[in-house]
């Protein structure tokens, strides 16, 4: 009996901390949850992907994502695309990172399949 392992490709990233200024006189401001979520929604809109967001209790991701500022993103066909959320404040503190960072991880295969339709 042979067990074959399938490599899964994901797209992941981190963004946040400060927004781009609209003009040189404006002070930088921290990116909030709703603005960060809007950036991800805008990305999917540009890719012409229909998605919906759902709050789910975190499993293995519970130490990575903020418990109240995270969501699972699904395609309209109910396939789980991935996770998005703010970094967990305790993890940020342990790693000496800003708590105003937003993380995402999406299935490359699902995105690729949707774009090929």
C-alpha atoms as a PDB file:
ATOM      1  CA  UNK A   1       0.000   0.000   0.000  1.00  0.00           C
ATOM      2  CA  UNK A   2       1.500   3.308  -1.012  1.00  0.00           C
ATOM      3  CA  UNK A   3       0.472   6.623   0.360  1.00  0.00           C
ATOM      4  CA  UNK A   4       0.936   9.470  -2.025  1.00  0.00           C
ATOM      5  CA  UNK A   5       1.130  12.991  -0.754  1.00  0.00           C
ATOM      6  CA  UNK A   6      -0.323  15.782  -2.778  1.00  0.00           C
ATOM      7  CA  UNK A   7       1.372  19.145  -2.565  1.00  0.00           C
ATOM      8  CA  UNK A   8      -1.108  21.951  -2.007  1.00  0.00           C
ATOM      9  CA  UNK A   9      -0.262  25.388  -3.345  1.00  0.00           C
ATOM     10  CA  UNK A  10      -1.559  28.423  -1.515  1.00  0.00           C
ATOM     11  CA  UNK A  11      -1.226  32.142  -1.965  1.00  0.00           C
ATOM     12  CA  UNK A  12      -0.412  33.925   1.275  1.00  0.00           C
ATOM     13  CA  UNK A  13       0.521  37.402   2.324  1.00  0.00           C
ATOM     14  CA  UNK A  14       0.678  40.059   4.983  1.00  0.00           C
ATOM     15  CA  UNK A  15      -0.233  43.719   4.711  1.00  0.00           C
ATOM     16  CA  UNK A  16      -1.219  46.587   6.938  1.00  0.00           C
ATOM     17  CA  UNK A  17       0.268  48.847   9.529  1.00  0.00           C
ATOM     18  CA  UNK A  18      -0.104  52.142   7.606  1.00  0.00           C
ATOM     19  CA  UNK A  19      -2.252  53.243   4.711  1.00  0.00           C
ATOM     20  CA  UNK A  20      -0.857  55.131   1.800  1.00  0.00           C
ATOM     21  CA  UNK A  21      -1.360  58.845   2.212  1.00  0.00           C
ATOM     22  CA  UNK A  22      -3.783  60.536  -0.157  1.00  0.00           C
ATOM     23  CA  UNK A  23      -1.578  63.638  -0.197  1.00  0.00           C
ATOM     24  CA  UNK A  24       1.763  64.611   1.277  1.00  0.00           C
ATOM     25  CA  UNK A  25       0.269  66.747   4.034  1.00  0.00           C
ATOM     26  CA  UNK A  26      -2.013  64.026   5.371  1.00  0.00           C
ATOM     27  CA  UNK A  27      -0.835  62.018   8.362  1.00  0.00           C
ATOM     28  CA  UNK A  28      -0.550  58.242   7.965  1.00  0.00           C
ATOM     29  CA  UNK A  29      -3.294  56.376   9.745  1.00  0.00           C
ATOM     30  CA  UNK A  30      -3.595  52.791  10.840  1.00  0.00           C
ATOM     31  CA  UNK A  31      -5.462  50.423   8.568  1.00  0.00           C
ATOM     32  CA  UNK A  32      -8.543  49.057  10.319  1.00  0.00           C
ATOM     33  CA  UNK A  33     -10.312  45.707   9.911  1.00  0.00           C
ATOM     34  CA  UNK A  34     -13.009  47.033   7.582  1.00  0.00           C
ATOM     35  CA  UNK A  35     -10.526  48.753   5.272  1.00  0.00           C
ATOM     36  CA  UNK A  36      -8.324  45.642   5.147  1.00  0.00           C
ATOM     37  CA  UNK A  37     -11.368  43.466   4.425  1.00  0.00           C
ATOM     38  CA  UNK A  38     -12.342  45.905   1.681  1.00  0.00           C
ATOM     39  CA  UNK A  39      -8.937  45.493   0.024  1.00  0.00           C
ATOM     40  CA  UNK A  40      -9.406  41.715  -0.145  1.00  0.00           C
ATOM     41  CA  UNK A  41     -12.959  42.137  -1.448  1.00  0.00           C
ATOM     42  CA  UNK A  42     -11.631  44.529  -4.104  1.00  0.00           C
ATOM     43  CA  UNK A  43      -9.029  41.947  -5.160  1.00  0.00           C
ATOM     44  CA  UNK A  44     -11.707  39.283  -5.656  1.00  0.00           C
ATOM     45  CA  UNK A  45     -13.888  41.761  -7.526  1.00  0.00           C
ATOM     46  CA  UNK A  46     -10.983  42.529  -9.896  1.00  0.00           C
ATOM     47  CA  UNK A  47     -10.519  38.779 -10.433  1.00  0.00           C
ATOM     48  CA  UNK A  48     -14.274  38.482 -11.053  1.00  0.00           C
ATOM     49  CA  UNK A  49     -14.625  35.918  -8.236  1.00  0.00           C
ATOM     50  CA  UNK A  50     -17.882  35.747  -6.301  1.00  0.00           C
ATOM     51  CA  UNK A  51     -17.147  35.140  -2.636  1.00  0.00           C
ATOM     52  CA  UNK A  52     -18.808  35.329   0.732  1.00  0.00           C
ATOM     53  CA  UNK A  53     -17.350  35.688   4.202  1.00  0.00           C
ATOM     54  CA  UNK A  54     -18.238  33.584   7.189  1.00  0.00           C
ATOM     55  CA  UNK A  55     -17.135  33.740  10.798  1.00  0.00           C
ATOM     56  CA  UNK A  56     -16.082  30.316  11.999  1.00  0.00           C
ATOM     57  CA  UNK A  57     -14.472  29.206  15.214  1.00  0.00           C
ATOM     58  CA  UNK A  58     -10.752  28.944  14.537  1.00  0.00           C
ATOM     59  CA  UNK A  59      -9.032  25.575  14.668  1.00  0.00           C
ATOM     60  CA  UNK A  60      -5.323  25.250  14.062  1.00  0.00           C
ATOM     61  CA  UNK A  61      -5.262  28.942  13.082  1.00  0.00           C
ATOM     62  CA  UNK A  62      -6.378  30.126  16.535  1.00  0.00           C
ATOM     63  CA  UNK A  63      -2.914  31.362  17.544  1.00  0.00           C
ATOM     64  CA  UNK A  64      -2.358  33.138  14.240  1.00  0.00           C
ATOM     65  CA  UNK A  65      -5.598  35.076  13.691  1.00  0.00           C
ATOM     66  CA  UNK A  66      -7.389  37.508  15.977  1.00  0.00           C
ATOM     67  CA  UNK A  67     -10.404  35.653  17.419  1.00  0.00           C
ATOM     68  CA  UNK A  68     -12.855  38.461  16.547  1.00  0.00           C
ATOM     69  CA  UNK A  69     -11.255  39.941  13.426  1.00  0.00           C
ATOM     70  CA  UNK A  70     -10.958  36.960  11.129  1.00  0.00           C
ATOM     71  CA  UNK A  71     -13.107  35.111   8.642  1.00  0.00           C
ATOM     72  CA  UNK A  72     -13.172  32.171   6.303  1.00  0.00           C
ATOM     73  CA  UNK A  73     -13.820  33.081   2.688  1.00  0.00           C
ATOM     74  CA  UNK A  74     -15.871  30.821   0.447  1.00  0.00           C
ATOM     75  CA  UNK A  75     -16.565  30.844  -3.247  1.00  0.00           C
ATOM     76  CA  UNK A  76     -20.238  31.070  -4.218  1.00  0.00           C
ATOM     77  CA  UNK A  77     -20.130  27.325  -5.000  1.00  0.00           C
ATOM     78  CA  UNK A  78     -19.456  26.827  -1.249  1.00  0.00           C
ATOM     79  CA  UNK A  79     -15.821  25.747  -1.713  1.00  0.00           C
ATOM     80  CA  UNK A  80     -13.569  27.063   1.050  1.00  0.00           C
ATOM     81  CA  UNK A  81     -11.142  29.529  -0.521  1.00  0.00           C
ATOM     82  CA  UNK A  82      -9.132  30.358   2.593  1.00  0.00           C
ATOM     83  CA  UNK A  83      -8.650  32.549   5.649  1.00  0.00           C
ATOM     84  CA  UNK A  84      -8.260  36.253   6.212  1.00  0.00           C
ATOM     85  CA  UNK A  85      -7.807  38.174   9.419  1.00  0.00           C
ATOM     86  CA  UNK A  86      -5.870  40.414  11.696  1.00  0.00           C
ATOM     87  CA  UNK A  87      -2.840  38.913  13.416  1.00  0.00           C
ATOM     88  CA  UNK A  88      -3.568  37.630  16.915  1.00  0.00           C
ATOM     89  CA  UNK A  89      -2.428  40.340  19.382  1.00  0.00           C
ATOM     90  CA  UNK A  90      -0.592  37.842  21.610  1.00  0.00           C
ATOM     91  CA  UNK A  91       1.282  36.388  18.623  1.00  0.00           C
ATOM     92  CA  UNK A  92       2.146  39.889  17.409  1.00  0.00           C
ATOM     93  CA  UNK A  93       3.528  40.785  20.831  1.00  0.00           C
ATOM     94  CA  UNK A  94       5.557  37.554  21.106  1.00  0.00           C
ATOM     95  CA  UNK A  95       7.084  38.162  17.650  1.00  0.00           C
ATOM     96  CA  UNK A  96       7.562  41.902  18.262  1.00  0.00           C
ATOM     97  CA  UNK A  97       5.263  42.738  15.336  1.00  0.00           C
ATOM     98  CA  UNK A  98       2.632  45.378  14.890  1.00  0.00           C
ATOM     99  CA  UNK A  99      -0.854  44.208  15.915  1.00  0.00           C
ATOM    100  CA  UNK A 100      -2.157  46.095  12.858  1.00  0.00           C
ATOM    101  CA  UNK A 101      -1.142  43.447  10.345  1.00  0.00           C
ATOM    102  CA  UNK A 102      -3.597  41.464   8.238  1.00  0.00           C
ATOM    103  CA  UNK A 103      -2.866  37.962   6.998  1.00  0.00           C
ATOM    104  CA  UNK A 104      -4.389  35.859   4.272  1.00  0.00           C
ATOM    105  CA  UNK A 105      -3.994  32.407   2.820  1.00  0.00           C
ATOM    106  CA  UNK A 106      -6.021  31.269  -0.190  1.00  0.00           C
ATOM    107  CA  UNK A 107      -6.096  28.125  -2.287  1.00  0.00           C
ATOM    108  CA  UNK A 108      -4.201  28.786  -5.510  1.00  0.00           C
ATOM    109  CA  UNK A 109      -5.888  25.814  -7.201  1.00  0.00           C
ATOM    110  CA  UNK A 110      -9.409  27.070  -6.459  1.00  0.00           C
ATOM    111  CA  UNK A 111      -8.574  30.542  -7.749  1.00  0.00           C
ATOM    112  CA  UNK A 112      -6.955  29.065 -10.847  1.00  0.00           C
ATOM    113  CA  UNK A 113      -9.930  26.787 -11.507  1.00  0.00           C
ATOM    114  CA  UNK A 114     -12.380  29.692 -11.185  1.00  0.00           C
ATOM    115  CA  UNK A 115     -10.367  31.907 -13.517  1.00  0.00           C
ATOM    116  CA  UNK A 116     -10.217  29.167 -16.169  1.00  0.00           C
ATOM    117  CA  UNK A 117     -14.018  28.848 -16.349  1.00  0.00           C
END
